Amino acid sequence: MAIGIVAVTLIGVAAYALPQYQVYSARMHGEAELARATQNRQVLVQTAQAERDAEILRAEGTAKANKIIGESLKENSEYLRWLWISKLDNQTNKTVVYVPTDGMVPQLETGRIGEEK
């Protein structure tokens, strides 16, 4: 008889405690998911901010380089002409030549190389 009372008591305690444990377990699982989602969002935000900062630094560096190059080429048209000619020399398609005049206005189609009449 004592074993029966103990068994009924254990079944009653289990019937009460099991649903309570399931609620507790679901709440803990939900809190863990929320913590993971929050952490993942923070990682994404920090990554985006780091990429933004890197892009800003690259843009600032490019702007400074462009300013330095622009300042150095303002009064150096001979270098620009030499650079243009050297680039023409490295081209593989050499059928048409555009020659700039002193005013840097090209004379278009004054003649094609190797063109037959």
PDB file of N, CA and C in Angstrom:
ATOM      1  N   MET A   1       0.815  -1.177   0.000  1.00  0.00           N
ATOM      2  CA  MET A   1       0.000   0.000   0.000  1.00  0.00           C
ATOM      3  C   MET A   1       0.870   1.257   0.000  1.00  0.00           C
ATOM      4  N   ALA A   2       1.944   1.245   0.743  1.00  0.00           N
ATOM      5  CA  ALA A   2       2.838   2.382   0.795  1.00  0.00           C
ATOM      6  C   ALA A   2       3.499   2.604  -0.568  1.00  0.00           C
ATOM      7  N   ILE A   3       3.770   1.508  -1.257  1.00  0.00           N
ATOM      8  CA  ILE A   3       4.372   1.617  -2.581  1.00  0.00           C
ATOM      9  C   ILE A   3       3.373   2.251  -3.536  1.00  0.00           C
ATOM     10  N   GLY A   4       2.105   1.924  -3.406  1.00  0.00           N
ATOM     11  CA  GLY A   4       1.071   2.508  -4.252  1.00  0.00           C
ATOM     12  C   GLY A   4       0.943   4.004  -4.020  1.00  0.00           C
ATOM     13  N   ILE A   5       1.012   4.425  -2.749  1.00  0.00           N
ATOM     14  CA  ILE A   5       0.905   5.850  -2.432  1.00  0.00           C
ATOM     15  C   ILE A   5       2.116   6.598  -3.003  1.00  0.00           C
ATOM     16  N   VAL A   6       3.279   6.018  -2.895  1.00  0.00           N
ATOM     17  CA  VAL A   6       4.494   6.634  -3.426  1.00  0.00           C
ATOM     18  C   VAL A   6       4.395   6.729  -4.945  1.00  0.00           C
ATOM     19  N   ALA A   7       3.895   5.668  -5.576  1.00  0.00           N
ATOM     20  CA  ALA A   7       3.774   5.658  -7.036  1.00  0.00           C
ATOM     21  C   ALA A   7       2.781   6.714  -7.497  1.00  0.00           C
ATOM     22  N   VAL A   8       1.622   6.819  -6.818  1.00  0.00           N
ATOM     23  CA  VAL A   8       0.617   7.818  -7.191  1.00  0.00           C
ATOM     24  C   VAL A   8       1.179   9.223  -6.968  1.00  0.00           C
ATOM     25  N   THR A   9       1.905   9.415  -5.890  1.00  0.00           N
ATOM     26  CA  THR A   9       2.503  10.715  -5.608  1.00  0.00           C
ATOM     27  C   THR A   9       3.524  11.082  -6.693  1.00  0.00           C
ATOM     28  N   LEU A  10       4.353  10.120  -7.074  1.00  0.00           N
ATOM     29  CA  LEU A  10       5.341  10.371  -8.120  1.00  0.00           C
ATOM     30  C   LEU A  10       4.673  10.679  -9.456  1.00  0.00           C
ATOM     31  N   ILE A  11       3.606   9.975  -9.777  1.00  0.00           N
ATOM     32  CA  ILE A  11       2.884  10.239 -11.025  1.00  0.00           C
ATOM     33  C   ILE A  11       2.265  11.635 -10.980  1.00  0.00           C
ATOM     34  N   GLY A  12       1.706  12.011  -9.837  1.00  0.00           N
ATOM     35  CA  GLY A  12       1.115  13.345  -9.689  1.00  0.00           C
ATOM     36  C   GLY A  12       2.160  14.445  -9.823  1.00  0.00           C
ATOM     37  N   VAL A  13       3.306  14.258  -9.181  1.00  0.00           N
ATOM     38  CA  VAL A  13       4.381  15.246  -9.271  1.00  0.00           C
ATOM     39  C   VAL A  13       4.881  15.337 -10.713  1.00  0.00           C
ATOM     40  N   ALA A  14       5.028  14.193 -11.382  1.00  0.00           N
ATOM     41  CA  ALA A  14       5.487  14.183 -12.773  1.00  0.00           C
ATOM     42  C   ALA A  14       4.462  14.853 -13.684  1.00  0.00           C
ATOM     43  N   ALA A  15       3.169  14.606 -13.425  1.00  0.00           N
ATOM     44  CA  ALA A  15       2.123  15.219 -14.248  1.00  0.00           C
ATOM     45  C   ALA A  15       2.128  16.738 -14.093  1.00  0.00           C
ATOM     46  N   TYR A  16       2.502  17.221 -12.942  1.00  0.00           N
ATOM     47  CA  TYR A  16       2.567  18.665 -12.730  1.00  0.00           C
ATOM     48  C   TYR A  16       3.903  19.237 -13.243  1.00  0.00           C
ATOM     49  N   ALA A  17       4.995  18.565 -12.958  1.00  0.00           N
ATOM     50  CA  ALA A  17       6.320  19.103 -13.241  1.00  0.00           C
ATOM     51  C   ALA A  17       6.674  19.039 -14.727  1.00  0.00           C
ATOM     52  N   LEU A  18       6.224  18.013 -15.450  1.00  0.00           N
ATOM     53  CA  LEU A  18       6.594  17.870 -16.855  1.00  0.00           C
ATOM     54  C   LEU A  18       6.112  19.044 -17.700  1.00  0.00           C
ATOM     55  N   PRO A  19       4.856  19.474 -17.622  1.00  0.00           N
ATOM     56  CA  PRO A  19       4.449  20.648 -18.396  1.00  0.00           C
ATOM     57  C   PRO A  19       5.206  21.913 -17.974  1.00  0.00           C
ATOM     58  N   GLN A  20       5.490  22.051 -16.691  1.00  0.00           N
ATOM     59  CA  GLN A  20       6.247  23.206 -16.218  1.00  0.00           C
ATOM     60  C   GLN A  20       7.660  23.200 -16.809  1.00  0.00           C
ATOM     61  N   TYR A  21       8.270  22.020 -16.852  1.00  0.00           N
ATOM     62  CA  TYR A  21       9.611  21.906 -17.420  1.00  0.00           C
ATOM     63  C   TYR A  21       9.593  22.211 -18.918  1.00  0.00           C
ATOM     64  N   GLN A  22       8.559  21.753 -19.623  1.00  0.00           N
ATOM     65  CA  GLN A  22       8.465  22.018 -21.060  1.00  0.00           C
ATOM     66  C   GLN A  22       8.344  23.521 -21.333  1.00  0.00           C
ATOM     67  N   VAL A  23       7.564  24.223 -20.506  1.00  0.00           N
ATOM     68  CA  VAL A  23       7.440  25.671 -20.651  1.00  0.00           C
ATOM     69  C   VAL A  23       8.789  26.335 -20.382  1.00  0.00           C
ATOM     70  N   TYR A  24       9.453  25.911 -19.322  1.00  0.00           N
ATOM     71  CA  TYR A  24      10.767  26.458 -18.978  1.00  0.00           C
ATOM     72  C   TYR A  24      11.777  26.191 -20.101  1.00  0.00           C
ATOM     73  N   SER A  25      11.781  24.976 -20.613  1.00  0.00           N
ATOM     74  CA  SER A  25      12.708  24.602 -21.679  1.00  0.00           C
ATOM     75  C   SER A  25      12.443  25.415 -22.943  1.00  0.00           C
ATOM     76  N   ALA A  26      11.176  25.615 -23.300  1.00  0.00           N
ATOM     77  CA  ALA A  26      10.838  26.410 -24.483  1.00  0.00           C
ATOM     78  C   ALA A  26      11.283  27.863 -24.300  1.00  0.00           C
ATOM     79  N   ARG A  27      11.089  28.405 -23.094  1.00  0.00           N
ATOM     80  CA  ARG A  27      11.510  29.772 -22.824  1.00  0.00           C
ATOM     81  C   ARG A  27      13.029  29.909 -22.939  1.00  0.00           C
ATOM     82  N   MET A  28      13.766  28.973 -22.389  1.00  0.00           N
ATOM     83  CA  MET A  28      15.229  29.008 -22.468  1.00  0.00           C
ATOM     84  C   MET A  28      15.697  28.870 -23.924  1.00  0.00           C
ATOM     85  N   HIS A  29      15.032  28.000 -24.678  1.00  0.00           N
ATOM     86  CA  HIS A  29      15.384  27.832 -26.091  1.00  0.00           C
ATOM     87  C   HIS A  29      15.117  29.136 -26.854  1.00  0.00           C
ATOM     88  N   GLY A  30      13.998  29.779 -26.587  1.00  0.00           N
ATOM     89  CA  GLY A  30      13.675  31.051 -27.240  1.00  0.00           C
ATOM     90  C   GLY A  30      14.673  32.143 -26.890  1.00  0.00           C
ATOM     91  N   GLU A  31      15.071  32.213 -25.628  1.00  0.00           N
ATOM     92  CA  GLU A  31      16.054  33.213 -25.216  1.00  0.00           C
ATOM     93  C   GLU A  31      17.410  32.958 -25.881  1.00  0.00           C
ATOM     94  N   ALA A  32      17.773  31.692 -26.023  1.00  0.00           N
ATOM     95  CA  ALA A  32      19.035  31.362 -26.688  1.00  0.00           C
ATOM     96  C   ALA A  32      18.981  31.761 -28.163  1.00  0.00           C
ATOM     97  N   GLU A  33      17.865  31.500 -28.835  1.00  0.00           N
ATOM     98  CA  GLU A  33      17.701  31.896 -30.239  1.00  0.00           C
ATOM     99  C   GLU A  33      17.765  33.415 -30.385  1.00  0.00           C
ATOM    100  N   LEU A  34      17.120  34.130 -29.468  1.00  0.00           N
ATOM    101  CA  LEU A  34      17.155  35.586 -29.502  1.00  0.00           C
ATOM    102  C   LEU A  34      18.584  36.100 -29.317  1.00  0.00           C
ATOM    103  N   ALA A  35      19.320  35.505 -28.396  1.00  0.00           N
ATOM    104  CA  ALA A  35      20.708  35.919 -28.167  1.00  0.00           C
ATOM    105  C   ALA A  35      21.558  35.661 -29.413  1.00  0.00           C
ATOM    106  N   ARG A  36      21.359  34.503 -30.070  1.00  0.00           N
ATOM    107  CA  ARG A  36      22.111  34.211 -31.300  1.00  0.00           C
ATOM    108  C   ARG A  36      21.756  35.197 -32.397  1.00  0.00           C
ATOM    109  N   ALA A  37      20.460  35.492 -32.563  1.00  0.00           N
ATOM    110  CA  ALA A  37      20.032  36.429 -33.604  1.00  0.00           C
ATOM    111  C   ALA A  37      20.593  37.828 -33.339  1.00  0.00           C
ATOM    112  N   THR A  38      20.579  38.245 -32.082  1.00  0.00           N
ATOM    113  CA  THR A  38      21.125  39.557 -31.723  1.00  0.00           C
ATOM    114  C   THR A  38      22.622  39.616 -32.012  1.00  0.00           C
ATOM    115  N   GLN A  39      23.329  38.560 -31.662  1.00  0.00           N
ATOM    116  CA  GLN A  39      24.770  38.523 -31.914  1.00  0.00           C
ATOM    117  C   GLN A  39      25.051  38.538 -33.416  1.00  0.00           C
ATOM    118  N   ASN A  40      24.308  37.758 -34.192  1.00  0.00           N
ATOM    119  CA  ASN A  40      24.504  37.735 -35.648  1.00  0.00           C
ATOM    120  C   ASN A  40      24.233  39.107 -36.256  1.00  0.00           C
ATOM    121  N   ARG A  41      23.204  39.792 -35.775  1.00  0.00           N
ATOM    122  CA  ARG A  41      22.891  41.122 -36.285  1.00  0.00           C
ATOM    123  C   ARG A  41      24.016  42.093 -35.950  1.00  0.00           C
ATOM    124  N   GLN A  42      24.542  42.015 -34.737  1.00  0.00           N
ATOM    125  CA  GLN A  42      25.645  42.895 -34.348  1.00  0.00           C
ATOM    126  C   GLN A  42      26.886  42.638 -35.196  1.00  0.00           C
ATOM    127  N   VAL A  43      27.144  41.375 -35.510  1.00  0.00           N
ATOM    128  CA  VAL A  43      28.290  41.050 -36.366  1.00  0.00           C
ATOM    129  C   VAL A  43      28.093  41.656 -37.747  1.00  0.00           C
ATOM    130  N   LEU A  44      26.888  41.539 -38.303  1.00  0.00           N
ATOM    131  CA  LEU A  44      26.607  42.107 -39.621  1.00  0.00           C
ATOM    132  C   LEU A  44      26.748  43.629 -39.614  1.00  0.00           C
ATOM    133  N   VAL A  45      26.253  44.266 -38.564  1.00  0.00           N
ATOM    134  CA  VAL A  45      26.347  45.724 -38.467  1.00  0.00           C
ATOM    135  C   VAL A  45      27.811  46.155 -38.372  1.00  0.00           C
ATOM    136  N   GLN A  46      28.590  45.478 -37.548  1.00  0.00           N
ATOM    137  CA  GLN A  46      30.001  45.838 -37.399  1.00  0.00           C
ATOM    138  C   GLN A  46      30.778  45.583 -38.686  1.00  0.00           C
ATOM    139  N   THR A  47      30.445  44.506 -39.394  1.00  0.00           N
ATOM    140  CA  THR A  47      31.100  44.229 -40.673  1.00  0.00           C
ATOM    141  C   THR A  47      30.775  45.320 -41.683  1.00  0.00           C
ATOM    142  N   ALA A  48      29.509  45.716 -41.748  1.00  0.00           N
ATOM    143  CA  ALA A  48      29.106  46.772 -42.681  1.00  0.00           C
ATOM    144  C   ALA A  48      29.792  48.093 -42.342  1.00  0.00           C
ATOM    145  N   GLN A  49      29.900  48.405 -41.058  1.00  0.00           N
ATOM    146  CA  GLN A  49      30.573  49.641 -40.655  1.00  0.00           C
ATOM    147  C   GLN A  49      32.060  49.600 -41.014  1.00  0.00           C
ATOM    148  N   ALA A  50      32.696  48.453 -40.826  1.00  0.00           N
ATOM    149  CA  ALA A  50      34.115  48.330 -41.169  1.00  0.00           C
ATOM    150  C   ALA A  50      34.315  48.471 -42.675  1.00  0.00           C
ATOM    151  N   GLU A  51      33.429  47.875 -43.471  1.00  0.00           N
ATOM    152  CA  GLU A  51      33.526  48.005 -44.928  1.00  0.00           C
ATOM    153  C   GLU A  51      33.299  49.449 -45.360  1.00  0.00           C
ATOM    154  N   ARG A  52      32.344  50.122 -44.718  1.00  0.00           N
ATOM    155  CA  ARG A  52      32.088  51.528 -45.031  1.00  0.00           C
ATOM    156  C   ARG A  52      33.316  52.378 -44.720  1.00  0.00           C
ATOM    157  N   ASP A  53      33.908  52.160 -43.547  1.00  0.00           N
ATOM    158  CA  ASP A  53      35.095  52.926 -43.163  1.00  0.00           C
ATOM    159  C   ASP A  53      36.257  52.668 -44.123  1.00  0.00           C
ATOM    160  N   ALA A  54      36.421  51.418 -44.532  1.00  0.00           N
ATOM    161  CA  ALA A  54      37.496  51.090 -45.477  1.00  0.00           C
ATOM    162  C   ALA A  54      37.254  51.765 -46.817  1.00  0.00           C
ATOM    163  N   GLU A  55      36.008  51.786 -47.272  1.00  0.00           N
ATOM    164  CA  GLU A  55      35.688  52.435 -48.551  1.00  0.00           C
ATOM    165  C   GLU A  55      35.939  53.939 -48.475  1.00  0.00           C
ATOM    166  N   ILE A  56      35.611  54.538 -47.339  1.00  0.00           N
ATOM    167  CA  ILE A  56      35.859  55.974 -47.160  1.00  0.00           C
ATOM    168  C   ILE A  56      37.362  56.254 -47.200  1.00  0.00           C
ATOM    169  N   LEU A  57      38.147  55.423 -46.527  1.00  0.00           N
ATOM    170  CA  LEU A  57      39.603  55.613 -46.543  1.00  0.00           C
ATOM    171  C   LEU A  57      40.170  55.440 -47.950  1.00  0.00           C
ATOM    172  N   ARG A  58      39.659  54.447 -48.699  1.00  0.00           N
ATOM    173  CA  ARG A  58      40.118  54.265 -50.077  1.00  0.00           C
ATOM    174  C   ARG A  58      39.774  55.480 -50.922  1.00  0.00           C
ATOM    175  N   ALA A  59      38.554  56.004 -50.742  1.00  0.00           N
ATOM    176  CA  ALA A  59      38.133  57.175 -51.523  1.00  0.00           C
ATOM    177  C   ALA A  59      38.983  58.395 -51.177  1.00  0.00           C
ATOM    178  N   GLU A  60      39.283  58.583 -49.894  1.00  0.00           N
ATOM    179  CA  GLU A  60      40.135  59.705 -49.498  1.00  0.00           C
ATOM    180  C   GLU A  60      41.533  59.564 -50.095  1.00  0.00           C
ATOM    181  N   GLY A  61      42.069  58.350 -50.090  1.00  0.00           N
ATOM    182  CA  GLY A  61      43.385  58.118 -50.685  1.00  0.00           C
ATOM    183  C   GLY A  61      43.383  58.377 -52.179  1.00  0.00           C
ATOM    184  N   THR A  62      42.326  57.935 -52.858  1.00  0.00           N
ATOM    185  CA  THR A  62      42.217  58.173 -54.297  1.00  0.00           C
ATOM    186  C   THR A  62      42.100  59.659 -54.584  1.00  0.00           C
ATOM    187  N   ALA A  63      41.320  60.370 -53.774  1.00  0.00           N
ATOM    188  CA  ALA A  63      41.168  61.815 -53.975  1.00  0.00           C
ATOM    189  C   ALA A  63      42.507  62.531 -53.787  1.00  0.00           C
ATOM    190  N   LYS A  64      43.270  62.146 -52.770  1.00  0.00           N
ATOM    191  CA  LYS A  64      44.581  62.768 -52.551  1.00  0.00           C
ATOM    192  C   LYS A  64      45.524  62.466 -53.710  1.00  0.00           C
ATOM    193  N   ALA A  65      45.505  61.213 -54.171  1.00  0.00           N
ATOM    194  CA  ALA A  65      46.371  60.844 -55.298  1.00  0.00           C
ATOM    195  C   ALA A  65      45.984  61.624 -56.548  1.00  0.00           C
ATOM    196  N   ASN A  66      44.689  61.749 -56.806  1.00  0.00           N
ATOM    197  CA  ASN A  66      44.236  62.513 -57.969  1.00  0.00           C
ATOM    198  C   ASN A  66      44.652  63.975 -57.866  1.00  0.00           C
ATOM    199  N   LYS A  67      44.575  64.532 -56.674  1.00  0.00           N
ATOM    200  CA  LYS A  67      44.974  65.928 -56.490  1.00  0.00           C
ATOM    201  C   LYS A  67      46.465  66.099 -56.752  1.00  0.00           C
ATOM    202  N   ILE A  68      47.265  65.182 -56.231  1.00  0.00           N
ATOM    203  CA  ILE A  68      48.714  65.257 -56.437  1.00  0.00           C
ATOM    204  C   ILE A  68      49.043  65.122 -57.918  1.00  0.00           C
ATOM    205  N   ILE A  69      48.424  64.157 -58.583  1.00  0.00           N
ATOM    206  CA  ILE A  69      48.677  63.959 -60.012  1.00  0.00           C
ATOM    207  C   ILE A  69      48.213  65.169 -60.804  1.00  0.00           C
ATOM    208  N   GLY A  70      47.039  65.680 -60.489  1.00  0.00           N
ATOM    209  CA  GLY A  70      46.518  66.848 -61.197  1.00  0.00           C
ATOM    210  C   GLY A  70      47.414  68.056 -61.045  1.00  0.00           C
ATOM    211  N   GLU A  71      47.896  68.293 -59.828  1.00  0.00           N
ATOM    212  CA  GLU A  71      48.788  69.430 -59.596  1.00  0.00           C
ATOM    213  C   GLU A  71      50.105  69.257 -60.353  1.00  0.00           C
ATOM    214  N   SER A  72      50.610  68.037 -60.402  1.00  0.00           N
ATOM    215  CA  SER A  72      51.898  67.835 -61.069  1.00  0.00           C
ATOM    216  C   SER A  72      51.778  67.916 -62.585  1.00  0.00           C
ATOM    217  N   LEU A  73      50.587  67.705 -63.135  1.00  0.00           N
ATOM    218  CA  LEU A  73      50.421  67.717 -64.588  1.00  0.00           C
ATOM    219  C   LEU A  73      49.888  69.034 -65.133  1.00  0.00           C
ATOM    220  N   LYS A  74      49.561  69.978 -64.271  1.00  0.00           N
ATOM    221  CA  LYS A  74      48.975  71.238 -64.736  1.00  0.00           C
ATOM    222  C   LYS A  74      49.867  71.950 -65.740  1.00  0.00           C
ATOM    223  N   GLU A  75      51.112  72.070 -65.445  1.00  0.00           N
ATOM    224  CA  GLU A  75      52.039  72.815 -66.294  1.00  0.00           C
ATOM    225  C   GLU A  75      53.022  71.878 -66.990  1.00  0.00           C
ATOM    226  N   ASN A  76      52.599  70.659 -67.281  1.00  0.00           N
ATOM    227  CA  ASN A  76      53.526  69.687 -67.842  1.00  0.00           C
ATOM    228  C   ASN A  76      52.904  69.006 -69.053  1.00  0.00           C
ATOM    229  N   SER A  77      52.565  69.780 -70.072  1.00  0.00           N
ATOM    230  CA  SER A  77      51.910  69.214 -71.249  1.00  0.00           C
ATOM    231  C   SER A  77      52.855  68.331 -72.055  1.00  0.00           C
ATOM    232  N   GLU A  78      54.160  68.557 -71.971  1.00  0.00           N
ATOM    233  CA  GLU A  78      55.107  67.719 -72.702  1.00  0.00           C
ATOM    234  C   GLU A  78      55.052  66.282 -72.202  1.00  0.00           C
ATOM    235  N   TYR A  79      54.964  66.127 -70.894  1.00  0.00           N
ATOM    236  CA  TYR A  79      54.875  64.779 -70.336  1.00  0.00           C
ATOM    237  C   TYR A  79      53.596  64.098 -70.788  1.00  0.00           C
ATOM    238  N   LEU A  80      52.496  64.831 -70.778  1.00  0.00           N
ATOM    239  CA  LEU A  80      51.229  64.249 -71.215  1.00  0.00           C
ATOM    240  C   LEU A  80      51.296  63.825 -72.673  1.00  0.00           C
ATOM    241  N   ARG A  81      51.911  64.624 -73.518  1.00  0.00           N
ATOM    242  CA  ARG A  81      52.054  64.274 -74.929  1.00  0.00           C
ATOM    243  C   ARG A  81      52.926  63.021 -75.074  1.00  0.00           C
ATOM    244  N   TRP A  82      54.042  62.953 -74.329  1.00  0.00           N
ATOM    245  CA  TRP A  82      54.904  61.776 -74.373  1.00  0.00           C
ATOM    246  C   TRP A  82      54.151  60.535 -73.904  1.00  0.00           C
ATOM    247  N   LEU A  83      53.386  60.673 -72.821  1.00  0.00           N
ATOM    248  CA  LEU A  83      52.612  59.554 -72.298  1.00  0.00           C
ATOM    249  C   LEU A  83      51.596  59.076 -73.325  1.00  0.00           C
ATOM    250  N   TRP A  84      50.942  59.994 -74.006  1.00  0.00           N
ATOM    251  CA  TRP A  84      49.950  59.657 -75.027  1.00  0.00           C
ATOM    252  C   TRP A  84      50.612  58.902 -76.177  1.00  0.00           C
ATOM    253  N   ILE A  85      51.771  59.379 -76.614  1.00  0.00           N
ATOM    254  CA  ILE A  85      52.481  58.728 -77.719  1.00  0.00           C
ATOM    255  C   ILE A  85      52.957  57.340 -77.302  1.00  0.00           C
ATOM    256  N   SER A  86      53.441  57.203 -76.083  1.00  0.00           N
ATOM    257  CA  SER A  86      53.907  55.886 -75.634  1.00  0.00           C
ATOM    258  C   SER A  86      52.746  54.902 -75.521  1.00  0.00           C
ATOM    259  N   LYS A  87      51.584  55.372 -75.152  1.00  0.00           N
ATOM    260  CA  LYS A  87      50.408  54.494 -75.110  1.00  0.00           C
ATOM    261  C   LYS A  87      50.011  54.067 -76.518  1.00  0.00           C
ATOM    262  N   LEU A  88      50.128  54.973 -77.481  1.00  0.00           N
ATOM    263  CA  LEU A  88      49.836  54.614 -78.869  1.00  0.00           C
ATOM    264  C   LEU A  88      50.796  53.545 -79.367  1.00  0.00           C
ATOM    265  N   ASP A  89      52.035  53.606 -78.933  1.00  0.00           N
ATOM    266  CA  ASP A  89      53.032  52.648 -79.374  1.00  0.00           C
ATOM    267  C   ASP A  89      52.723  51.242 -78.870  1.00  0.00           C
ATOM    268  N   ASN A  90      52.071  51.141 -77.721  1.00  0.00           N
ATOM    269  CA  ASN A  90      51.774  49.840 -77.127  1.00  0.00           C
ATOM    270  C   ASN A  90      50.474  49.229 -77.620  1.00  0.00           C
ATOM    271  N   GLN A  91      49.734  49.903 -78.461  1.00  0.00           N
ATOM    272  CA  GLN A  91      48.460  49.374 -78.946  1.00  0.00           C
ATOM    273  C   GLN A  91      48.696  48.308 -80.001  1.00  0.00           C
ATOM    274  N   THR A  92      47.781  47.341 -80.065  1.00  0.00           N
ATOM    275  CA  THR A  92      47.878  46.302 -81.084  1.00  0.00           C
ATOM    276  C   THR A  92      47.136  46.700 -82.349  1.00  0.00           C
ATOM    277  N   ASN A  93      46.102  47.498 -82.240  1.00  0.00           N
ATOM    278  CA  ASN A  93      45.330  47.953 -83.390  1.00  0.00           C
ATOM    279  C   ASN A  93      45.914  49.284 -83.843  1.00  0.00           C
ATOM    280  N   LYS A  94      46.686  49.254 -84.933  1.00  0.00           N
ATOM    281  CA  LYS A  94      47.374  50.462 -85.380  1.00  0.00           C
ATOM    282  C   LYS A  94      46.901  50.880 -86.770  1.00  0.00           C
ATOM    283  N   THR A  95      45.607  50.733 -87.060  1.00  0.00           N
ATOM    284  CA  THR A  95      45.122  51.059 -88.400  1.00  0.00           C
ATOM    285  C   THR A  95      44.775  52.525 -88.553  1.00  0.00           C
ATOM    286  N   VAL A  96      44.317  53.194 -87.506  1.00  0.00           N
ATOM    287  CA  VAL A  96      43.920  54.597 -87.598  1.00  0.00           C
ATOM    288  C   VAL A  96      44.742  55.397 -86.604  1.00  0.00           C
ATOM    289  N   VAL A  97      45.257  56.525 -87.051  1.00  0.00           N
ATOM    290  CA  VAL A  97      46.050  57.381 -86.177  1.00  0.00           C
ATOM    291  C   VAL A  97      45.380  58.744 -86.112  1.00  0.00           C
ATOM    292  N   TYR A  98      45.123  59.221 -84.921  1.00  0.00           N
ATOM    293  CA  TYR A  98      44.587  60.559 -84.696  1.00  0.00           C
ATOM    294  C   TYR A  98      45.713  61.398 -84.114  1.00  0.00           C
ATOM    295  N   VAL A  99      46.089  62.427 -84.816  1.00  0.00           N
ATOM    296  CA  VAL A  99      47.208  63.260 -84.387  1.00  0.00           C
ATOM    297  C   VAL A  99      46.662  64.585 -83.883  1.00  0.00           C
ATOM    298  N   PRO A 100      46.916  64.923 -82.624  1.00  0.00           N
ATOM    299  CA  PRO A 100      46.435  66.208 -82.127  1.00  0.00           C
ATOM    300  C   PRO A 100      47.319  67.347 -82.633  1.00  0.00           C
ATOM    301  N   THR A 101      46.690  68.468 -82.851  1.00  0.00           N
ATOM    302  CA  THR A 101      47.443  69.661 -83.233  1.00  0.00           C
ATOM    303  C   THR A 101      47.888  70.376 -81.976  1.00  0.00           C
ATOM    304  N   ASP A 102      48.447  71.554 -82.129  1.00  0.00           N
ATOM    305  CA  ASP A 102      48.908  72.288 -80.952  1.00  0.00           C
ATOM    306  C   ASP A 102      47.770  72.644 -80.016  1.00  0.00           C
ATOM    307  N   GLY A 103      46.578  72.841 -80.543  1.00  0.00           N
ATOM    308  CA  GLY A 103      45.428  73.166 -79.703  1.00  0.00           C
ATOM    309  C   GLY A 103      44.767  71.930 -79.124  1.00  0.00           C
ATOM    310  N   MET A 104      45.397  70.772 -79.266  1.00  0.00           N
ATOM    311  CA  MET A 104      44.885  69.485 -78.781  1.00  0.00           C
ATOM    312  C   MET A 104      43.542  69.135 -79.412  1.00  0.00           C
ATOM    313  N   VAL A 105      43.298  69.634 -80.638  1.00  0.00           N
ATOM    314  CA  VAL A 105      42.096  69.282 -81.388  1.00  0.00           C
ATOM    315  C   VAL A 105      42.530  68.269 -82.437  1.00  0.00           C
ATOM    316  N   PRO A 106      41.989  67.040 -82.418  1.00  0.00           N
ATOM    317  CA  PRO A 106      42.460  66.026 -83.357  1.00  0.00           C
ATOM    318  C   PRO A 106      41.993  66.296 -84.780  1.00  0.00           C
ATOM    319  N   GLN A 107      42.840  65.933 -85.732  1.00  0.00           N
ATOM    320  CA  GLN A 107      42.467  65.983 -87.137  1.00  0.00           C
ATOM    321  C   GLN A 107      41.943  64.593 -87.476  1.00  0.00           C
ATOM    322  N   LEU A 108      40.646  64.472 -87.584  1.00  0.00           N
ATOM    323  CA  LEU A 108      40.022  63.168 -87.752  1.00  0.00           C
ATOM    324  C   LEU A 108      40.064  62.719 -89.202  1.00  0.00           C
ATOM    325  N   GLU A 109      40.390  61.472 -89.396  1.00  0.00           N
ATOM    326  CA  GLU A 109      40.330  60.805 -90.690  1.00  0.00           C
ATOM    327  C   GLU A 109      41.071  61.557 -91.784  1.00  0.00           C
ATOM    328  N   THR A 110      42.238  62.097 -91.495  1.00  0.00           N
ATOM    329  CA  THR A 110      43.011  62.764 -92.547  1.00  0.00           C
ATOM    330  C   THR A 110      43.614  61.746 -93.493  1.00  0.00           C
ATOM    331  N   GLY A 111      43.621  60.536 -93.096  1.00  0.00           N
ATOM    332  CA  GLY A 111      44.104  59.479 -93.970  1.00  0.00           C
ATOM    333  C   GLY A 111      44.250  58.195 -93.193  1.00  0.00           C
ATOM    334  N   ARG A 112      43.942  57.105 -93.829  1.00  0.00           N
ATOM    335  CA  ARG A 112      44.089  55.807 -93.171  1.00  0.00           C
ATOM    336  C   ARG A 112      45.396  55.179 -93.622  1.00  0.00           C
ATOM    337  N   ILE A 113      46.039  54.519 -92.710  1.00  0.00           N
ATOM    338  CA  ILE A 113      47.293  53.852 -93.024  1.00  0.00           C
ATOM    339  C   ILE A 113      46.982  52.623 -93.871  1.00  0.00           C
ATOM    340  N   GLY A 114      47.637  52.536 -95.000  1.00  0.00           N
ATOM    341  CA  GLY A 114      47.470  51.369 -95.852  1.00  0.00           C
ATOM    342  C   GLY A 114      46.177  51.350 -96.638  1.00  0.00           C
ATOM    343  N   GLU A 115      45.467  52.445 -96.715  1.00  0.00           N
ATOM    344  CA  GLU A 115      44.185  52.477 -97.436  1.00  0.00           C
ATOM    345  C   GLU A 115      44.453  52.600 -98.928  1.00  0.00           C
ATOM    346  N   GLU A 116      43.778  51.788 -99.723  1.00  0.00           N
ATOM    347  CA  GLU A 116      43.957  51.831-101.174  1.00  0.00           C
ATOM    348  C   GLU A 116      42.855  52.659-101.787  1.00  0.00           C
ATOM    349  N   LYS A 117      43.188  53.365-102.895  1.00  0.00           N
ATOM    350  CA  LYS A 117      42.202  54.215-103.567  1.00  0.00           C
ATOM    351  C   LYS A 117      41.619  53.504-104.741  1.00  0.00           C
TER     352      LYS A 117
END
